[in-house]
């Protein structure tokens, strides 16, 4: 059963907010329905009893699962901001790196380029994951 691309993207964004919320999402392979869970949102607590059936459900990946964190930033630095590579590497050697990275990009006028690069990489990785896991995408 095909799943709307927009629904997959919404669920992936839900998973992107951070591990501290206990967010998880699954796709029902038979119906295409997406089921989400959050430790912080009681409306999302009721899940199908058979959610652990790997033949029927597949858990959506997180950005970390798709390697869309620091490595993506460093690929961006190599491909688009080579002269700033060392500065970016230094930013990612300490805590709070993403905030400082975005501040740096704002200063050099490259924030929108980063957002476009990140969006393209996320879509590519997520579509590849769908293909590898037998999730038919609509749209």
Protein backbone atom coordinates (compact mmCIF):
# COMPACT_ATOMS: atom_id res chain seq x y z
CA UNK A 1 0.00 0.00 0.00
CA UNK A 2 1.55 3.36 -0.97
CA UNK A 3 2.27 5.95 1.70
CA UNK A 4 2.01 9.67 0.98
CA UNK A 5 5.45 11.27 0.87
CA UNK A 6 4.16 14.21 2.93
CA UNK A 7 3.09 11.83 5.73
CA UNK A 8 6.50 10.15 5.73
CA UNK A 9 8.16 13.57 5.91
CA UNK A 10 5.90 14.65 8.78
CA UNK A 11 6.71 11.48 10.75
CA UNK A 12 10.43 11.93 10.07
CA UNK A 13 10.26 15.51 11.37
CA UNK A 14 8.44 14.19 14.45
CA UNK A 15 11.39 11.84 15.01
CA UNK A 16 13.86 14.68 14.47
CA UNK A 17 12.88 16.70 17.53
CA UNK A 18 15.17 14.74 19.81
CA UNK A 19 15.56 11.56 21.78
CA UNK A 20 14.46 13.17 25.04
CA UNK A 21 10.79 13.01 23.98
CA UNK A 22 10.78 9.27 23.33
CA UNK A 23 9.32 9.74 19.85
CA UNK A 24 8.89 6.75 17.56
CA UNK A 25 6.98 6.08 14.35
CA UNK A 26 6.03 2.98 12.38
CA UNK A 27 4.57 2.34 8.95
CA UNK A 28 2.00 -0.40 8.56
CA UNK A 29 3.19 -2.29 5.47
CA UNK A 30 -0.32 -3.56 4.72
CA UNK A 31 -2.34 -0.34 5.01
CA UNK A 32 0.28 2.41 4.64
CA UNK A 33 -0.89 3.97 7.91
CA UNK A 34 1.71 5.69 10.05
CA UNK A 35 1.54 5.22 13.81
CA UNK A 36 3.43 7.60 16.07
CA UNK A 37 4.28 7.49 19.77
CA UNK A 38 5.66 10.07 22.16
CA UNK A 39 6.33 9.76 25.87
CA UNK A 40 5.10 13.37 26.17
CA UNK A 41 1.86 13.25 24.18
CA UNK A 42 -0.84 11.00 25.63
CA UNK A 43 -2.91 11.27 22.44
CA UNK A 44 -0.20 9.29 20.66
CA UNK A 45 0.05 6.53 23.27
CA UNK A 46 -2.44 4.01 21.95
CA UNK A 47 -0.56 1.86 19.47
CA UNK A 48 -1.74 -1.30 17.73
CA UNK A 49 -1.17 -4.35 19.92
CA UNK A 50 0.89 -6.00 17.17
CA UNK A 51 3.23 -3.01 16.60
CA UNK A 52 6.23 -5.29 17.28
CA UNK A 53 5.34 -7.51 14.29
CA UNK A 54 8.25 -6.75 11.94
CA UNK A 55 6.42 -8.38 9.03
CA UNK A 56 3.55 -5.92 9.40
CA UNK A 57 5.28 -2.75 10.67
CA UNK A 58 8.57 -1.06 9.97
CA UNK A 59 9.99 1.59 12.31
CA UNK A 60 10.94 4.82 10.60
CA UNK A 61 14.57 5.85 10.99
CA UNK A 62 15.80 8.92 12.81
CA UNK A 63 18.18 11.43 11.21
CA UNK A 64 20.94 9.77 13.25
CA UNK A 65 20.03 6.39 11.74
CA UNK A 66 20.44 7.91 8.26
CA UNK A 67 23.74 9.58 9.16
CA UNK A 68 22.34 13.09 8.70
CA UNK A 69 24.20 14.73 11.57
CA UNK A 70 27.80 15.82 11.84
CA UNK A 71 28.91 13.86 8.77
CA UNK A 72 26.40 15.70 6.61
CA UNK A 73 27.67 19.02 7.96
CA UNK A 74 31.24 18.07 7.15
CA UNK A 75 30.28 16.95 3.61
CA UNK A 76 28.60 20.33 3.17
CA UNK A 77 31.77 22.04 4.38
CA UNK A 78 33.92 20.10 1.91
CA UNK A 79 31.57 20.59 -1.04
CA UNK A 80 30.37 24.16 -0.48
CA UNK A 81 32.57 25.91 2.09
CA UNK A 82 36.00 24.39 1.63
CA UNK A 83 37.85 27.53 2.78
CA UNK A 84 35.86 27.41 6.06
CA UNK A 85 36.33 23.68 6.69
CA UNK A 86 38.71 24.11 9.64
CA UNK A 87 36.40 26.64 11.32
CA UNK A 88 33.42 24.32 10.93
CA UNK A 89 35.40 21.34 12.23
CA UNK A 90 36.36 23.41 15.27
CA UNK A 91 32.72 24.35 15.87
CA UNK A 92 31.83 20.65 15.96
CA UNK A 93 34.53 19.81 18.47
CA UNK A 94 32.42 21.22 21.35
CA UNK A 95 28.88 21.03 22.69
CA UNK A 96 26.21 23.29 21.19
CA UNK A 97 27.69 22.85 17.75
CA UNK A 98 24.52 23.13 15.67
CA UNK A 99 23.54 26.46 17.18
CA UNK A 100 27.04 27.86 16.66
CA UNK A 101 27.18 26.36 13.15
CA UNK A 102 23.97 28.14 12.17
CA UNK A 103 25.21 31.39 13.69
CA UNK A 104 28.42 31.02 11.66
CA UNK A 105 26.47 30.33 8.47
CA UNK A 106 24.32 33.39 9.11
CA UNK A 107 27.46 35.54 9.48
CA UNK A 108 28.90 34.34 6.17
CA UNK A 109 25.56 34.38 4.33
CA UNK A 110 25.34 30.62 3.76
CA UNK A 111 22.44 29.58 5.99
CA UNK A 112 19.90 29.22 3.17
CA UNK A 113 22.42 27.17 1.17
CA UNK A 114 22.78 24.84 4.18
CA UNK A 115 19.02 24.46 4.55
CA UNK A 116 18.66 23.54 0.87
CA UNK A 117 21.59 21.10 1.05
CA UNK A 118 20.24 19.49 4.21
CA UNK A 119 16.71 19.17 2.79
CA UNK A 120 18.01 17.53 -0.39
CA UNK A 121 20.17 15.09 1.59
CA UNK A 122 17.30 14.22 3.95
CA UNK A 123 14.91 13.55 1.09
CA UNK A 124 17.43 11.41 -0.78
CA UNK A 125 18.33 9.36 2.31
CA UNK A 126 14.71 8.90 3.36
CA UNK A 127 13.57 7.86 -0.12
CA UNK A 128 16.47 5.36 -0.29
CA UNK A 129 15.45 4.00 3.11
CA UNK A 130 11.86 3.59 1.88
CA UNK A 131 13.04 1.69 -1.21
CA UNK A 132 15.32 -0.56 0.88
CA UNK A 133 12.50 -1.34 3.30
CA UNK A 134 9.78 -1.99 0.75
CA UNK A 135 7.80 1.15 1.53
CA UNK A 136 6.00 2.32 -1.60
CA UNK A 137 5.96 6.12 -1.72
CA UNK A 138 3.24 8.16 -3.33
CA UNK A 139 4.28 11.66 -4.39
